[in-house]
């Protein structure tokens, strides 16, 4: 083996290592960016929950033909999509960065809006049928556990 062969091998191995490090750093950065974007989108839809008290929400849930019912269902759907990305794993972990999810939403989803979210989940589950909010419940339990 000549010196040129050795230098070529060292450069090739170095290029592979740099490529792998770049891939993983970029992956983590993209995951954090997607987490922030999803959280911002979720926040934009959650403002709807501030407009109504529990009695009004109860009335909306009882009449599924109203626009408010559709809006409440949409809000729960957005929370569920966010929860799926946070709680359900893939080959490389979850879609969203859990640590960042907790930092962004601690005190907002699990504290400020928790009572309304729990109330909505309870009302929707009373209507019967399939449970559509499994991951939302998992997300809230996970946030409770992280808070302790």
C-alpha atoms as a PDB file:
ATOM      1  CA  UNK A   1       0.000   0.000   0.000  1.00  0.00           C
ATOM      2  CA  UNK A   2       1.394   3.343  -0.967  1.00  0.00           C
ATOM      3  CA  UNK A   3       1.098   6.605   0.938  1.00  0.00           C
ATOM      4  CA  UNK A   4      -1.464   7.850  -1.594  1.00  0.00           C
ATOM      5  CA  UNK A   5      -3.675   4.822  -0.845  1.00  0.00           C
ATOM      6  CA  UNK A   6      -3.488   5.519   2.887  1.00  0.00           C
ATOM      7  CA  UNK A   7      -4.310   9.211   2.413  1.00  0.00           C
ATOM      8  CA  UNK A   8      -7.242   8.274   0.160  1.00  0.00           C
ATOM      9  CA  UNK A   9      -8.595   5.856   2.774  1.00  0.00           C
ATOM     10  CA  UNK A  10      -8.261   8.412   5.583  1.00  0.00           C
ATOM     11  CA  UNK A  11     -10.027  11.067   3.496  1.00  0.00           C
ATOM     12  CA  UNK A  12     -12.807   8.630   2.575  1.00  0.00           C
ATOM     13  CA  UNK A  13     -13.411   7.631   6.190  1.00  0.00           C
ATOM     14  CA  UNK A  14     -13.322  11.280   7.248  1.00  0.00           C
ATOM     15  CA  UNK A  15     -15.871  12.160   4.543  1.00  0.00           C
ATOM     16  CA  UNK A  16     -18.187   9.381   5.734  1.00  0.00           C
ATOM     17  CA  UNK A  17     -17.945  10.533   9.353  1.00  0.00           C
ATOM     18  CA  UNK A  18     -18.572  14.176   8.420  1.00  0.00           C
ATOM     19  CA  UNK A  19     -21.549  13.137   6.268  1.00  0.00           C
ATOM     20  CA  UNK A  20     -23.088  11.116   9.104  1.00  0.00           C
ATOM     21  CA  UNK A  21     -22.583  13.892  11.641  1.00  0.00           C
ATOM     22  CA  UNK A  22     -24.103  16.419   9.235  1.00  0.00           C
ATOM     23  CA  UNK A  23     -27.082  14.126   8.609  1.00  0.00           C
ATOM     24  CA  UNK A  24     -27.851  13.696  12.317  1.00  0.00           C
ATOM     25  CA  UNK A  25     -27.359  17.368  13.178  1.00  0.00           C
ATOM     26  CA  UNK A  26     -29.603  18.404  10.284  1.00  0.00           C
ATOM     27  CA  UNK A  27     -32.191  15.809  11.298  1.00  0.00           C
ATOM     28  CA  UNK A  28     -32.331  17.155  14.852  1.00  0.00           C
ATOM     29  CA  UNK A  29     -32.513  20.749  13.621  1.00  0.00           C
ATOM     30  CA  UNK A  30     -35.378  19.895  11.232  1.00  0.00           C
ATOM     31  CA  UNK A  31     -37.199  18.072  14.007  1.00  0.00           C
ATOM     32  CA  UNK A  32     -36.966  21.117  16.278  1.00  0.00           C
ATOM     33  CA  UNK A  33     -38.112  23.431  13.493  1.00  0.00           C
ATOM     34  CA  UNK A  34     -41.103  21.183  12.738  1.00  0.00           C
ATOM     35  CA  UNK A  35     -41.948  21.102  16.455  1.00  0.00           C
ATOM     36  CA  UNK A  36     -41.982  24.891  16.704  1.00  0.00           C
ATOM     37  CA  UNK A  37     -44.031  25.257  13.506  1.00  0.00           C
ATOM     38  CA  UNK A  38     -46.583  22.695  14.674  1.00  0.00           C
ATOM     39  CA  UNK A  39     -46.849  24.336  18.077  1.00  0.00           C
ATOM     40  CA  UNK A  40     -47.404  27.789  16.532  1.00  0.00           C
ATOM     41  CA  UNK A  41     -50.138  26.334  14.327  1.00  0.00           C
ATOM     42  CA  UNK A  42     -51.718  24.678  17.355  1.00  0.00           C
ATOM     43  CA  UNK A  43     -51.627  27.901  19.372  1.00  0.00           C
ATOM     44  CA  UNK A  44     -53.429  29.763  16.600  1.00  0.00           C
ATOM     45  CA  UNK A  45     -56.358  27.360  16.826  1.00  0.00           C
ATOM     46  CA  UNK A  46     -56.481  27.121  20.638  1.00  0.00           C
ATOM     47  CA  UNK A  47     -57.531  30.756  21.101  1.00  0.00           C
ATOM     48  CA  UNK A  48     -61.058  29.536  20.329  1.00  0.00           C
ATOM     49  CA  UNK A  49     -61.198  27.810  23.732  1.00  0.00           C
ATOM     50  CA  UNK A  50     -60.812  31.121  25.566  1.00  0.00           C
ATOM     51  CA  UNK A  51     -64.010  32.508  24.083  1.00  0.00           C
ATOM     52  CA  UNK A  52     -66.432  30.166  25.832  1.00  0.00           C
ATOM     53  CA  UNK A  53     -67.093  28.863  29.315  1.00  0.00           C
ATOM     54  CA  UNK A  54     -67.950  25.257  30.117  1.00  0.00           C
ATOM     55  CA  UNK A  55     -71.728  25.807  29.975  1.00  0.00           C
ATOM     56  CA  UNK A  56     -71.495  27.233  26.464  1.00  0.00           C
ATOM     57  CA  UNK A  57     -69.217  24.395  25.413  1.00  0.00           C
ATOM     58  CA  UNK A  58     -71.753  21.905  26.812  1.00  0.00           C
ATOM     59  CA  UNK A  59     -74.475  23.482  24.648  1.00  0.00           C
ATOM     60  CA  UNK A  60     -72.278  23.319  21.549  1.00  0.00           C
ATOM     61  CA  UNK A  61     -71.438  19.664  22.117  1.00  0.00           C
ATOM     62  CA  UNK A  62     -75.122  18.809  22.518  1.00  0.00           C
ATOM     63  CA  UNK A  63     -75.939  20.293  19.098  1.00  0.00           C
ATOM     64  CA  UNK A  64     -73.518  18.915  16.535  1.00  0.00           C
ATOM     65  CA  UNK A  65     -75.005  20.982  13.701  1.00  0.00           C
ATOM     66  CA  UNK A  66     -73.620  24.310  14.953  1.00  0.00           C
ATOM     67  CA  UNK A  67     -70.502  26.007  13.662  1.00  0.00           C
ATOM     68  CA  UNK A  68     -69.164  26.145  17.216  1.00  0.00           C
ATOM     69  CA  UNK A  69     -69.388  22.353  17.519  1.00  0.00           C
ATOM     70  CA  UNK A  70     -67.416  22.004  14.298  1.00  0.00           C
ATOM     71  CA  UNK A  71     -64.847  24.520  15.552  1.00  0.00           C
ATOM     72  CA  UNK A  72     -64.477  22.680  18.889  1.00  0.00           C
ATOM     73  CA  UNK A  73     -64.072  19.373  17.069  1.00  0.00           C
ATOM     74  CA  UNK A  74     -61.471  20.991  14.839  1.00  0.00           C
ATOM     75  CA  UNK A  75     -59.557  22.263  17.890  1.00  0.00           C
ATOM     76  CA  UNK A  76     -59.561  18.786  19.439  1.00  0.00           C
ATOM     77  CA  UNK A  77     -58.459  17.353  16.106  1.00  0.00           C
ATOM     78  CA  UNK A  78     -55.508  19.746  15.943  1.00  0.00           C
ATOM     79  CA  UNK A  79     -54.520  18.858  19.493  1.00  0.00           C
ATOM     80  CA  UNK A  80     -54.721  15.172  18.561  1.00  0.00           C
ATOM     81  CA  UNK A  81     -52.524  15.646  15.490  1.00  0.00           C
ATOM     82  CA  UNK A  82     -49.970  17.498  17.610  1.00  0.00           C
ATOM     83  CA  UNK A  83     -50.170  14.743  20.240  1.00  0.00           C
ATOM     84  CA  UNK A  84     -49.645  12.021  17.627  1.00  0.00           C
ATOM     85  CA  UNK A  85     -46.503  13.756  16.404  1.00  0.00           C
ATOM     86  CA  UNK A  86     -45.280  14.023  19.971  1.00  0.00           C
ATOM     87  CA  UNK A  87     -46.187  10.604  21.324  1.00  0.00           C
ATOM     88  CA  UNK A  88     -46.069   8.125  18.441  1.00  0.00           C
ATOM     89  CA  UNK A  89     -42.636   6.924  17.491  1.00  0.00           C
ATOM     90  CA  UNK A  90     -41.072   6.298  14.116  1.00  0.00           C
ATOM     91  CA  UNK A  91     -37.812   4.695  13.083  1.00  0.00           C
ATOM     92  CA  UNK A  92     -35.833   7.653  14.463  1.00  0.00           C
ATOM     93  CA  UNK A  93     -38.159   8.495  17.353  1.00  0.00           C
ATOM     94  CA  UNK A  94     -41.162  10.785  17.402  1.00  0.00           C
ATOM     95  CA  UNK A  95     -42.005  13.352  14.745  1.00  0.00           C
ATOM     96  CA  UNK A  96     -41.620  16.233  17.188  1.00  0.00           C
ATOM     97  CA  UNK A  97     -38.907  16.879  19.729  1.00  0.00           C
ATOM     98  CA  UNK A  98     -40.470  15.913  23.087  1.00  0.00           C
ATOM     99  CA  UNK A  99     -38.175  18.067  25.186  1.00  0.00           C
ATOM    100  CA  UNK A 100     -39.044  21.100  23.086  1.00  0.00           C
ATOM    101  CA  UNK A 101     -42.762  20.227  23.153  1.00  0.00           C
ATOM    102  CA  UNK A 102     -42.636  20.196  26.930  1.00  0.00           C
ATOM    103  CA  UNK A 103     -40.724  23.479  27.090  1.00  0.00           C
ATOM    104  CA  UNK A 104     -43.139  25.192  24.710  1.00  0.00           C
ATOM    105  CA  UNK A 105     -46.427  23.917  26.049  1.00  0.00           C
ATOM    106  CA  UNK A 106     -45.781  23.403  29.760  1.00  0.00           C
ATOM    107  CA  UNK A 107     -48.005  25.793  31.631  1.00  0.00           C
ATOM    108  CA  UNK A 108     -50.197  26.419  28.588  1.00  0.00           C
ATOM    109  CA  UNK A 109     -51.681  23.124  27.441  1.00  0.00           C
ATOM    110  CA  UNK A 110     -51.161  21.205  30.676  1.00  0.00           C
ATOM    111  CA  UNK A 111     -52.118  24.039  33.030  1.00  0.00           C
ATOM    112  CA  UNK A 112     -53.993  27.013  31.480  1.00  0.00           C
ATOM    113  CA  UNK A 113     -56.129  25.067  28.998  1.00  0.00           C
ATOM    114  CA  UNK A 114     -56.092  21.702  30.740  1.00  0.00           C
ATOM    115  CA  UNK A 115     -59.467  22.066  32.413  1.00  0.00           C
ATOM    116  CA  UNK A 116     -61.184  22.957  29.132  1.00  0.00           C
ATOM    117  CA  UNK A 117     -59.398  20.237  27.180  1.00  0.00           C
ATOM    118  CA  UNK A 118     -60.329  17.618  29.794  1.00  0.00           C
ATOM    119  CA  UNK A 119     -63.909  18.874  29.785  1.00  0.00           C
ATOM    120  CA  UNK A 120     -64.113  18.685  25.996  1.00  0.00           C
ATOM    121  CA  UNK A 121     -62.659  15.178  25.980  1.00  0.00           C
ATOM    122  CA  UNK A 122     -65.167  14.097  28.616  1.00  0.00           C
ATOM    123  CA  UNK A 123     -68.108  15.563  26.682  1.00  0.00           C
ATOM    124  CA  UNK A 124     -66.993  14.049  23.393  1.00  0.00           C
ATOM    125  CA  UNK A 125     -66.467  10.615  24.957  1.00  0.00           C
ATOM    126  CA  UNK A 126     -69.962  10.733  26.474  1.00  0.00           C
ATOM    127  CA  UNK A 127     -71.417  10.960  22.991  1.00  0.00           C
ATOM    128  CA  UNK A 128     -70.302   7.385  22.458  1.00  0.00           C
ATOM    129  CA  UNK A 129     -68.615   5.850  19.492  1.00  0.00           C
ATOM    130  CA  UNK A 130     -64.953   5.366  18.867  1.00  0.00           C
ATOM    131  CA  UNK A 131     -62.328   7.098  20.989  1.00  0.00           C
ATOM    132  CA  UNK A 132     -60.569   9.513  18.645  1.00  0.00           C
ATOM    133  CA  UNK A 133     -58.404  11.310  21.185  1.00  0.00           C
ATOM    134  CA  UNK A 134     -56.170   8.554  22.514  1.00  0.00           C
ATOM    135  CA  UNK A 135     -52.929  10.428  21.847  1.00  0.00           C
ATOM    136  CA  UNK A 136     -54.240  13.649  23.373  1.00  0.00           C
ATOM    137  CA  UNK A 137     -54.850  11.739  26.598  1.00  0.00           C
ATOM    138  CA  UNK A 138     -51.368  10.192  26.344  1.00  0.00           C
ATOM    139  CA  UNK A 139     -49.804  13.619  25.800  1.00  0.00           C
ATOM    140  CA  UNK A 140     -51.557  15.072  28.851  1.00  0.00           C
ATOM    141  CA  UNK A 141     -50.524  12.096  31.029  1.00  0.00           C
ATOM    142  CA  UNK A 142     -46.940  12.395  29.795  1.00  0.00           C
ATOM    143  CA  UNK A 143     -46.897  16.127  30.581  1.00  0.00           C
ATOM    144  CA  UNK A 144     -48.269  15.399  34.060  1.00  0.00           C
ATOM    145  CA  UNK A 145     -45.507  12.861  34.604  1.00  0.00           C
ATOM    146  CA  UNK A 146     -42.829  15.269  33.339  1.00  0.00           C
ATOM    147  CA  UNK A 147     -44.126  18.000  35.659  1.00  0.00           C
ATOM    148  CA  UNK A 148     -43.545  15.889  38.759  1.00  0.00           C
END
